[in-house]
Amino acid sequence: MKTRENNPCTEGFIALYYLMIIADGVISPKELDMGNLMMKHENIDETFYHHKMESFRNLNKNELLNTCIRNLKNCSKDDQIRAVAWMSNVANSDGFMDPKEWALIYKIYNKELKLDLNQILEVQKELPRL
């Protein structure tokens, strides 16, 4: 199966994932496991994924947020919804969604991308979980 590689949408998925795992200041093993699950399920090339994750470590949160939003705006609405649905699952993977994680999700889906929460919740149910 062909992998999703160097395109703005894939980079947006990874940037949003990285923002989510650092949002509360604690990166849990389950959040890392969810990233690997997302990478495999979305057919994201593993080398590209790890390269992007490493490059995002060098950005401050504002730079990363701007990169994330800019890239996600180049995605289809369906892919935007899917990316936010994944992040909701990542945020819940450790059994608790921190208020900082919820604030980030809300800002991106409501303020920046103007997505329908009900559509996000529907897609979220379809995605694999740990």
Protein backbone atom coordinates (compact mmCIF):
# COMPACT_ATOMS: atom_id res chain seq x y z
CA MET A 1 0.00 0.00 0.00
CA LYS A 2 1.28 3.46 -0.90
CA THR A 3 2.28 5.62 2.05
CA ARG A 4 1.38 9.23 2.69
CA GLU A 5 4.62 11.13 2.72
CA ASN A 6 5.89 14.61 2.19
CA ASN A 7 2.73 16.63 1.66
CA PRO A 8 1.19 19.41 3.73
CA CYS A 9 -1.69 17.26 4.95
CA THR A 10 0.54 14.49 6.31
CA GLU A 11 2.81 17.07 7.90
CA GLY A 12 -0.30 18.68 9.43
CA PHE A 13 -1.37 15.34 10.97
CA ILE A 14 2.07 14.87 12.51
CA ALA A 15 2.34 18.49 13.70
CA LEU A 16 -1.08 18.27 15.35
CA TYR A 17 -0.12 14.97 16.97
CA TYR A 18 3.12 16.48 18.33
CA LEU A 19 1.26 19.53 19.65
CA MET A 20 -1.21 17.24 21.39
CA ILE A 21 1.35 15.06 23.13
CA ILE A 22 3.23 18.08 24.51
CA ALA A 23 0.10 20.12 25.39
CA ASP A 24 -0.09 19.05 29.04
CA GLY A 25 3.67 18.81 29.57
CA VAL A 26 3.58 15.02 30.05
CA ILE A 27 4.13 12.61 27.16
CA SER A 28 2.58 9.31 28.20
CA PRO A 29 3.55 5.92 26.72
CA LYS A 30 -0.06 5.48 25.57
CA GLU A 31 0.10 8.75 23.63
CA LEU A 32 3.25 7.47 21.89
CA ASP A 33 1.50 4.17 21.16
CA MET A 34 -1.44 6.09 19.66
CA GLY A 35 0.99 7.98 17.41
CA ASN A 36 2.37 4.70 16.11
CA LEU A 37 -1.16 3.39 15.59
CA MET A 38 -2.11 6.56 13.70
CA MET A 39 1.04 6.35 11.57
CA LYS A 40 0.29 2.76 10.57
CA HIS A 41 -3.46 3.22 10.11
CA GLU A 42 -3.02 6.37 8.00
CA ASN A 43 -0.18 4.80 5.96
CA ILE A 44 2.32 7.47 6.94
CA ASP A 45 5.87 6.54 6.00
CA GLU A 46 7.70 5.68 9.24
CA THR A 47 10.96 7.43 8.31
CA PHE A 48 9.08 10.59 7.32
CA TYR A 49 7.04 10.43 10.55
CA HIS A 50 10.10 10.19 12.78
CA HIS A 51 11.97 12.85 10.79
CA LYS A 52 9.05 15.29 11.22
CA MET A 53 8.66 14.48 14.91
CA GLU A 54 12.36 15.25 15.42
CA SER A 55 12.18 18.50 13.46
CA PHE A 56 9.13 19.66 15.46
CA ARG A 57 11.11 19.32 18.69
CA ASN A 58 13.13 22.35 17.56
CA LEU A 59 10.10 24.64 17.19
CA ASN A 60 8.45 26.61 19.97
CA LYS A 61 4.73 25.99 20.51
CA ASN A 62 3.63 29.04 18.52
CA GLU A 63 5.77 28.11 15.52
CA LEU A 64 4.49 24.55 15.72
CA LEU A 65 0.88 25.68 16.00
CA ASN A 66 1.27 27.94 12.97
CA THR A 67 2.90 25.12 10.99
CA CYS A 68 0.13 22.74 12.02
CA ILE A 69 -2.72 25.08 11.04
CA ARG A 70 -1.10 26.16 7.78
CA ASN A 71 -0.66 22.53 6.75
CA LEU A 72 -4.09 21.37 7.89
CA LYS A 73 -5.71 24.18 5.89
CA ASN A 74 -4.22 22.46 2.81
CA CYS A 75 -6.11 19.26 3.64
CA SER A 76 -9.61 18.31 2.56
CA LYS A 77 -12.34 18.86 5.18
CA ASP A 78 -12.53 15.07 5.57
CA ASP A 79 -8.82 14.87 6.37
CA GLN A 80 -9.09 17.84 8.75
CA ILE A 81 -11.92 16.08 10.59
CA ARG A 82 -9.93 12.85 10.66
CA ALA A 83 -6.83 14.61 12.07
CA VAL A 84 -8.83 16.22 14.89
CA ALA A 85 -10.62 12.91 15.59
CA TRP A 86 -7.23 11.21 15.98
CA MET A 87 -6.11 13.94 18.38
CA SER A 88 -9.20 13.46 20.50
CA ASN A 89 -8.31 9.78 20.78
CA VAL A 90 -4.69 10.63 21.57
CA ALA A 91 -5.79 13.06 24.29
CA ASN A 92 -8.04 10.38 25.81
CA SER A 93 -5.51 7.55 25.45
CA ASP A 94 -4.14 7.95 28.98
CA GLY A 95 -7.67 7.92 30.41
CA PHE A 96 -7.93 11.65 30.96
CA MET A 97 -8.17 14.67 28.67
CA ASP A 98 -6.23 17.50 30.26
CA PRO A 99 -7.88 20.95 29.98
CA LYS A 100 -4.87 22.13 27.93
CA GLU A 101 -5.45 19.29 25.47
CA TRP A 102 -9.15 20.16 25.17
CA ALA A 103 -8.31 23.86 24.69
CA LEU A 104 -5.95 22.96 21.85
CA ILE A 105 -8.49 20.69 20.16
CA TYR A 106 -11.22 23.33 20.52
CA LYS A 107 -9.00 26.10 19.13
CA ILE A 108 -8.06 24.06 16.09
CA TYR A 109 -11.41 22.51 15.19
CA ASN A 110 -13.64 25.46 16.08
CA LYS A 111 -11.62 28.64 15.76
CA GLU A 112 -9.11 27.76 13.03
CA LEU A 113 -10.68 25.07 10.83
CA LYS A 114 -14.36 25.70 11.63
CA LEU A 115 -15.26 22.01 11.70
CA ASP A 116 -18.46 20.38 12.92
CA LEU A 117 -17.95 18.65 16.30
CA ASN A 118 -20.57 16.00 15.50
CA GLN A 119 -18.65 14.95 12.39
CA ILE A 120 -15.45 14.73 14.42
CA LEU A 121 -17.17 12.55 17.03
CA GLU A 122 -18.53 10.23 14.32
CA VAL A 123 -15.11 9.73 12.77
CA GLN A 124 -13.53 9.33 16.21
CA LYS A 125 -15.74 6.27 16.84
CA GLU A 126 -14.48 4.64 13.63
CA LEU A 127 -10.78 5.00 14.41
CA PRO A 128 -8.81 2.17 16.03
CA ARG A 129 -7.89 2.42 19.68
CA LEU A 130 -5.27 0.76 21.81
